[in-house]
């Protein structure tokens, strides 16, 4: 099963330290070699971003920075795991290295697989 882990940082307003980058680099290398990490990227500060919304046929664009720190996406990882529990353990290990923040974990839909979302829509 594949999972998307969306990391929401406790906005530090600073780039990661060399030590933090080193620890993260080791985790990424280990995950890629072991096959549980399929891809990962960090995001630039929210001040450089925008939110685009469609509401009642009207599209609005709100430029960053975004004031709600708990909603600021710091990056993502695409994970391969045998279960949700295994994916949760991978996320726990990530947070132990990166520090303050939270991850939203979402299983990805895979055609031909027994997906929970598929069951819910056909119930």
N, C-alpha and C. Protein backbone atom coordinates (compact mmCIF):
# COMPACT_ATOMS: atom_id res chain seq x y z
N UNK A 1 0.84 -1.18 0.00
CA UNK A 1 0.00 0.00 0.00
C UNK A 1 0.89 1.24 0.00
N UNK A 2 0.39 2.27 -0.67
CA UNK A 2 1.12 3.53 -0.66
C UNK A 2 0.38 4.54 0.20
N UNK A 3 1.16 5.38 0.88
CA UNK A 3 0.61 6.41 1.76
C UNK A 3 1.30 7.73 1.47
N UNK A 4 0.56 8.80 1.61
CA UNK A 4 1.11 10.14 1.52
C UNK A 4 1.18 10.70 2.93
N UNK A 5 2.36 11.08 3.35
CA UNK A 5 2.56 11.72 4.65
C UNK A 5 2.80 13.20 4.38
N UNK A 6 1.90 14.04 4.87
CA UNK A 6 1.99 15.48 4.68
C UNK A 6 2.47 16.09 5.99
N UNK A 7 3.67 16.65 5.97
CA UNK A 7 4.27 17.20 7.18
C UNK A 7 3.89 18.67 7.32
N UNK A 8 3.31 18.99 8.46
CA UNK A 8 2.94 20.36 8.79
C UNK A 8 3.85 20.80 9.92
N UNK A 9 4.75 21.71 9.58
CA UNK A 9 5.78 22.11 10.54
C UNK A 9 5.25 23.11 11.55
N UNK A 10 5.87 23.09 12.72
CA UNK A 10 5.67 24.18 13.66
C UNK A 10 6.58 25.27 13.10
N UNK A 11 6.03 26.15 12.28
CA UNK A 11 6.80 27.10 11.46
C UNK A 11 7.92 27.74 12.27
N UNK A 12 9.14 27.47 11.83
CA UNK A 12 10.33 27.93 12.54
C UNK A 12 10.85 29.25 11.97
N UNK A 13 10.41 29.62 10.79
CA UNK A 13 10.90 30.81 10.10
C UNK A 13 12.42 30.78 9.92
N UNK A 14 12.96 29.58 9.81
CA UNK A 14 14.39 29.44 9.54
C UNK A 14 14.60 28.13 8.80
N UNK A 15 15.64 28.08 7.99
CA UNK A 15 15.94 26.81 7.33
C UNK A 15 16.47 25.80 8.35
N UNK A 16 16.42 24.52 8.03
CA UNK A 16 16.95 23.50 8.94
C UNK A 16 18.45 23.70 9.16
N UNK A 17 18.90 23.36 10.35
CA UNK A 17 20.33 23.47 10.66
C UNK A 17 21.09 22.37 9.90
N UNK A 18 22.41 22.50 9.80
CA UNK A 18 23.20 21.44 9.16
C UNK A 18 23.01 20.08 9.85
N UNK A 19 22.88 20.09 11.17
CA UNK A 19 22.68 18.84 11.91
C UNK A 19 21.33 18.22 11.55
N UNK A 20 20.28 19.06 11.48
CA UNK A 20 18.95 18.56 11.11
C UNK A 20 18.96 18.02 9.68
N UNK A 21 19.65 18.72 8.78
CA UNK A 21 19.73 18.26 7.39
C UNK A 21 20.48 16.93 7.31
N UNK A 22 21.52 16.77 8.11
CA UNK A 22 22.28 15.53 8.11
C UNK A 22 21.43 14.36 8.58
N UNK A 23 20.71 14.55 9.70
CA UNK A 23 19.83 13.49 10.21
C UNK A 23 18.75 13.14 9.19
N UNK A 24 18.17 14.17 8.56
CA UNK A 24 17.12 13.92 7.56
C UNK A 24 17.71 13.20 6.34
N UNK A 25 18.89 13.60 5.93
CA UNK A 25 19.55 12.95 4.80
C UNK A 25 19.78 11.47 5.04
N UNK A 26 20.20 11.14 6.26
CA UNK A 26 20.42 9.73 6.61
C UNK A 26 19.11 8.94 6.57
N UNK A 27 18.04 9.54 7.09
CA UNK A 27 16.74 8.86 7.08
C UNK A 27 16.26 8.65 5.64
N UNK A 28 16.41 9.66 4.80
CA UNK A 28 15.98 9.55 3.40
C UNK A 28 16.78 8.47 2.69
N UNK A 29 18.09 8.47 2.88
CA UNK A 29 18.93 7.45 2.24
C UNK A 29 18.52 6.04 2.70
N UNK A 30 18.33 5.87 4.00
CA UNK A 30 17.92 4.58 4.55
C UNK A 30 16.57 4.14 3.97
N UNK A 31 15.61 5.07 3.92
CA UNK A 31 14.28 4.75 3.41
C UNK A 31 14.26 4.38 1.95
N UNK A 32 15.06 5.10 1.15
CA UNK A 32 15.13 4.80 -0.29
C UNK A 32 15.75 3.42 -0.52
N UNK A 33 16.84 3.14 0.19
CA UNK A 33 17.51 1.84 0.04
C UNK A 33 16.61 0.70 0.49
N UNK A 34 15.87 0.91 1.58
CA UNK A 34 15.00 -0.14 2.12
C UNK A 34 13.70 -0.30 1.32
N UNK A 35 13.35 0.72 0.53
CA UNK A 35 12.16 0.63 -0.31
C UNK A 35 10.88 1.15 0.29
N UNK A 36 10.92 1.64 1.53
CA UNK A 36 9.69 2.17 2.13
C UNK A 36 9.48 3.64 1.81
N UNK A 37 10.51 4.32 1.35
CA UNK A 37 10.39 5.72 0.95
C UNK A 37 10.47 5.80 -0.56
N UNK A 38 9.38 6.21 -1.19
CA UNK A 38 9.32 6.28 -2.65
C UNK A 38 9.68 7.66 -3.18
N UNK A 39 9.48 8.69 -2.37
CA UNK A 39 9.81 10.05 -2.78
C UNK A 39 9.53 11.01 -1.65
N UNK A 40 10.23 12.13 -1.64
CA UNK A 40 10.02 13.15 -0.62
C UNK A 40 10.51 14.49 -1.13
N UNK A 41 9.87 15.54 -0.66
CA UNK A 41 10.27 16.90 -0.99
C UNK A 41 9.89 17.81 0.16
N UNK A 42 10.67 18.85 0.34
CA UNK A 42 10.34 19.90 1.30
C UNK A 42 9.73 21.08 0.57
N UNK A 43 9.03 21.92 1.29
CA UNK A 43 8.40 23.10 0.70
C UNK A 43 9.14 24.35 1.13
N UNK A 44 9.18 25.32 0.26
CA UNK A 44 9.72 26.64 0.60
C UNK A 44 8.73 27.34 1.53
N UNK A 45 9.12 28.43 2.18
CA UNK A 45 8.23 29.12 3.12
C UNK A 45 6.89 29.52 2.49
N UNK A 46 5.86 29.54 3.33
CA UNK A 46 4.51 29.85 2.84
C UNK A 46 4.42 31.26 2.27
N UNK A 47 5.33 32.15 2.62
CA UNK A 47 5.32 33.51 2.07
C UNK A 47 5.49 33.49 0.55
N UNK A 48 6.07 32.42 0.02
CA UNK A 48 6.28 32.32 -1.42
C UNK A 48 5.15 31.58 -2.11
N UNK A 49 4.16 31.12 -1.37
CA UNK A 49 3.08 30.31 -1.92
C UNK A 49 1.79 31.07 -2.10
N UNK A 50 0.76 30.33 -2.49
CA UNK A 50 -0.58 30.88 -2.67
C UNK A 50 -1.58 29.76 -2.44
N UNK A 51 -2.79 30.14 -2.07
CA UNK A 51 -3.92 29.20 -1.97
C UNK A 51 -4.96 29.60 -3.00
N UNK A 52 -5.41 28.63 -3.76
CA UNK A 52 -6.39 28.88 -4.81
C UNK A 52 -7.66 28.14 -4.42
N UNK A 53 -8.79 28.84 -4.43
CA UNK A 53 -10.06 28.26 -4.00
C UNK A 53 -11.13 28.52 -5.06
N UNK A 54 -11.96 27.50 -5.31
CA UNK A 54 -13.15 27.63 -6.16
C UNK A 54 -14.36 27.56 -5.25
N UNK A 55 -15.18 28.59 -5.27
CA UNK A 55 -16.38 28.65 -4.44
C UNK A 55 -17.48 29.34 -5.24
N UNK A 56 -18.58 28.62 -5.47
CA UNK A 56 -19.70 29.17 -6.25
C UNK A 56 -19.24 29.75 -7.58
N UNK A 57 -18.45 29.01 -8.31
CA UNK A 57 -17.95 29.37 -9.63
C UNK A 57 -16.97 30.53 -9.63
N UNK A 58 -16.51 30.96 -8.45
CA UNK A 58 -15.55 32.05 -8.36
C UNK A 58 -14.22 31.50 -7.84
N UNK A 59 -13.17 31.81 -8.57
CA UNK A 59 -11.84 31.39 -8.15
C UNK A 59 -11.16 32.57 -7.47
N UNK A 60 -10.65 32.33 -6.27
CA UNK A 60 -9.90 33.36 -5.55
C UNK A 60 -8.51 32.84 -5.26
N UNK A 61 -7.57 33.76 -5.23
CA UNK A 61 -6.17 33.43 -4.94
C UNK A 61 -5.74 34.26 -3.74
N UNK A 62 -5.21 33.57 -2.73
CA UNK A 62 -4.69 34.25 -1.54
C UNK A 62 -3.20 33.97 -1.47
N UNK A 63 -2.40 35.02 -1.54
CA UNK A 63 -0.96 34.87 -1.45
C UNK A 63 -0.54 34.64 -0.01
N UNK A 64 0.56 33.91 0.17
CA UNK A 64 1.12 33.69 1.49
C UNK A 64 1.77 34.96 2.00
N UNK A 65 2.20 35.00 3.21
CA UNK A 65 2.28 33.87 4.13
C UNK A 65 0.93 33.54 4.75
N UNK A 66 0.81 32.31 5.21
CA UNK A 66 -0.42 31.86 5.82
C UNK A 66 -0.27 31.96 7.33
N UNK A 67 -1.27 32.52 7.97
CA UNK A 67 -1.15 32.84 9.39
C UNK A 67 -1.28 31.63 10.30
N UNK A 68 -2.04 30.63 9.92
CA UNK A 68 -2.24 29.45 10.76
C UNK A 68 -1.05 28.51 10.62
N UNK A 69 -0.15 28.54 11.58
CA UNK A 69 1.06 27.70 11.51
C UNK A 69 0.72 26.22 11.40
N UNK A 70 -0.37 25.78 12.04
CA UNK A 70 -0.72 24.37 11.99
C UNK A 70 -1.15 23.92 10.60
N UNK A 71 -1.40 24.87 9.70
CA UNK A 71 -1.82 24.54 8.34
C UNK A 71 -0.70 24.68 7.32
N UNK A 72 0.50 25.05 7.76
CA UNK A 72 1.60 25.27 6.84
C UNK A 72 2.26 23.93 6.52
N UNK A 73 2.21 23.54 5.26
CA UNK A 73 2.81 22.28 4.83
C UNK A 73 4.30 22.50 4.65
N UNK A 74 5.09 21.70 5.36
CA UNK A 74 6.54 21.81 5.28
C UNK A 74 7.14 20.87 4.25
N UNK A 75 6.40 19.83 3.89
CA UNK A 75 6.89 18.87 2.91
C UNK A 75 6.02 17.63 2.89
N UNK A 76 6.43 16.67 2.08
CA UNK A 76 5.66 15.43 1.98
C UNK A 76 6.60 14.26 1.75
N UNK A 77 6.08 13.07 2.03
CA UNK A 77 6.80 11.84 1.72
C UNK A 77 5.81 10.84 1.16
N UNK A 78 6.21 10.12 0.16
CA UNK A 78 5.41 9.04 -0.41
C UNK A 78 6.00 7.74 0.14
N UNK A 79 5.17 7.01 0.91
CA UNK A 79 5.63 5.82 1.63
C UNK A 79 5.03 4.55 1.05
N UNK A 80 5.78 3.46 1.16
CA UNK A 80 5.31 2.12 0.81
C UNK A 80 5.29 1.32 2.11
N UNK A 81 4.12 0.80 2.47
CA UNK A 81 3.99 0.04 3.71
C UNK A 81 3.00 -1.09 3.51
N UNK A 82 3.08 -2.12 4.34
CA UNK A 82 2.17 -3.26 4.26
C UNK A 82 0.86 -3.03 4.99
N UNK A 83 0.82 -1.97 5.83
CA UNK A 83 -0.39 -1.68 6.59
C UNK A 83 -0.37 -0.23 7.05
N UNK A 84 -1.51 0.24 7.50
CA UNK A 84 -1.58 1.59 8.06
C UNK A 84 -0.70 1.68 9.30
N UNK A 85 -0.71 0.64 10.11
CA UNK A 85 0.09 0.62 11.33
C UNK A 85 1.58 0.76 11.01
N UNK A 86 2.03 0.07 9.97
CA UNK A 86 3.44 0.18 9.56
C UNK A 86 3.74 1.60 9.07
N UNK A 87 2.84 2.19 8.31
CA UNK A 87 3.02 3.56 7.84
C UNK A 87 3.06 4.54 9.01
N UNK A 88 2.22 4.31 10.01
CA UNK A 88 2.22 5.17 11.20
C UNK A 88 3.56 5.09 11.93
N UNK A 89 4.15 3.93 12.00
CA UNK A 89 5.46 3.80 12.65
C UNK A 89 6.53 4.55 11.87
N UNK A 90 6.48 4.51 10.55
CA UNK A 90 7.42 5.28 9.73
C UNK A 90 7.28 6.77 10.00
N UNK A 91 6.05 7.23 10.13
CA UNK A 91 5.80 8.65 10.41
C UNK A 91 6.29 9.01 11.81
N UNK A 92 6.06 8.15 12.77
CA UNK A 92 6.56 8.41 14.13
C UNK A 92 8.09 8.58 14.12
N UNK A 93 8.77 7.69 13.40
CA UNK A 93 10.23 7.78 13.31
C UNK A 93 10.66 9.09 12.65
N UNK A 94 9.96 9.50 11.62
CA UNK A 94 10.25 10.77 10.95
C UNK A 94 10.12 11.94 11.93
N UNK A 95 9.03 11.98 12.69
CA UNK A 95 8.81 13.08 13.62
C UNK A 95 9.86 13.11 14.73
N UNK A 96 10.33 11.94 15.13
CA UNK A 96 11.40 11.91 16.15
C UNK A 96 12.67 12.59 15.64
N UNK A 97 12.90 12.53 14.35
CA UNK A 97 14.09 13.15 13.75
C UNK A 97 13.86 14.63 13.45
N UNK A 98 12.72 14.95 12.85
CA UNK A 98 12.49 16.33 12.41
C UNK A 98 12.07 17.26 13.54
N UNK A 99 11.44 16.72 14.56
CA UNK A 99 11.04 17.54 15.71
C UNK A 99 9.60 18.01 15.61
N UNK A 100 9.35 19.16 16.22
CA UNK A 100 7.99 19.68 16.36
C UNK A 100 7.24 19.76 15.04
N UNK A 101 5.97 19.41 15.10
CA UNK A 101 5.10 19.44 13.93
C UNK A 101 4.16 18.26 13.94
N UNK A 102 3.43 18.09 12.86
CA UNK A 102 2.52 16.94 12.75
C UNK A 102 2.50 16.45 11.32
N UNK A 103 2.12 15.21 11.16
CA UNK A 103 1.98 14.61 9.83
C UNK A 103 0.54 14.14 9.66
N UNK A 104 -0.01 14.43 8.52
CA UNK A 104 -1.29 13.85 8.13
C UNK A 104 -0.97 12.68 7.23
N UNK A 105 -1.50 11.50 7.55
CA UNK A 105 -1.22 10.29 6.79
C UNK A 105 -2.47 9.91 6.01
N UNK A 106 -2.32 9.74 4.71
CA UNK A 106 -3.45 9.38 3.84
C UNK A 106 -3.06 8.22 2.94
N UNK A 107 -3.87 7.17 2.95
CA UNK A 107 -3.63 6.06 2.03
C UNK A 107 -4.03 6.51 0.63
N UNK A 108 -3.24 6.13 -0.36
CA UNK A 108 -3.52 6.51 -1.74
C UNK A 108 -4.34 5.45 -2.44
N UNK A 109 -5.25 5.89 -3.27
CA UNK A 109 -6.08 4.99 -4.06
C UNK A 109 -5.22 4.28 -5.09
N UNK A 110 -5.41 2.98 -5.21
CA UNK A 110 -4.69 2.21 -6.20
C UNK A 110 -5.70 1.35 -6.95
N UNK A 111 -5.81 1.57 -8.24
CA UNK A 111 -6.77 0.83 -9.08
C UNK A 111 -6.51 -0.67 -8.96
N UNK A 112 -7.58 -1.43 -8.82
CA UNK A 112 -7.47 -2.87 -8.74
C UNK A 112 -7.12 -3.39 -7.36
N UNK A 113 -6.90 -2.51 -6.42
CA UNK A 113 -6.58 -2.90 -5.05
C UNK A 113 -7.83 -2.81 -4.20
N UNK A 114 -7.81 -3.46 -3.07
CA UNK A 114 -8.91 -3.41 -2.12
C UNK A 114 -8.74 -2.14 -1.28
N UNK A 115 -9.29 -1.02 -1.76
CA UNK A 115 -9.13 0.26 -1.10
C UNK A 115 -10.29 0.52 -0.15
N UNK A 116 -9.98 1.09 1.00
CA UNK A 116 -11.03 1.44 1.99
C UNK A 116 -12.00 2.43 1.37
N UNK A 117 -11.50 3.40 0.61
CA UNK A 117 -12.36 4.42 0.00
C UNK A 117 -13.33 3.76 -0.97
N UNK A 118 -12.85 2.75 -1.69
CA UNK A 118 -13.69 2.04 -2.65
C UNK A 118 -14.85 1.35 -1.92
N UNK A 119 -14.55 0.74 -0.78
CA UNK A 119 -15.59 0.07 0.01
C UNK A 119 -16.62 1.07 0.49
N UNK A 120 -16.15 2.24 0.95
CA UNK A 120 -17.05 3.25 1.51
C UNK A 120 -18.01 3.79 0.45
N UNK A 121 -17.56 3.94 -0.79
CA UNK A 121 -18.42 4.49 -1.82
C UNK A 121 -19.41 3.46 -2.37
N UNK A 122 -19.12 2.19 -2.15
CA UNK A 122 -20.01 1.16 -2.66
C UNK A 122 -20.90 0.53 -1.58
N UNK A 123 -20.82 1.05 -0.39
CA UNK A 123 -21.60 0.48 0.73
C UNK A 123 -23.05 0.90 0.68
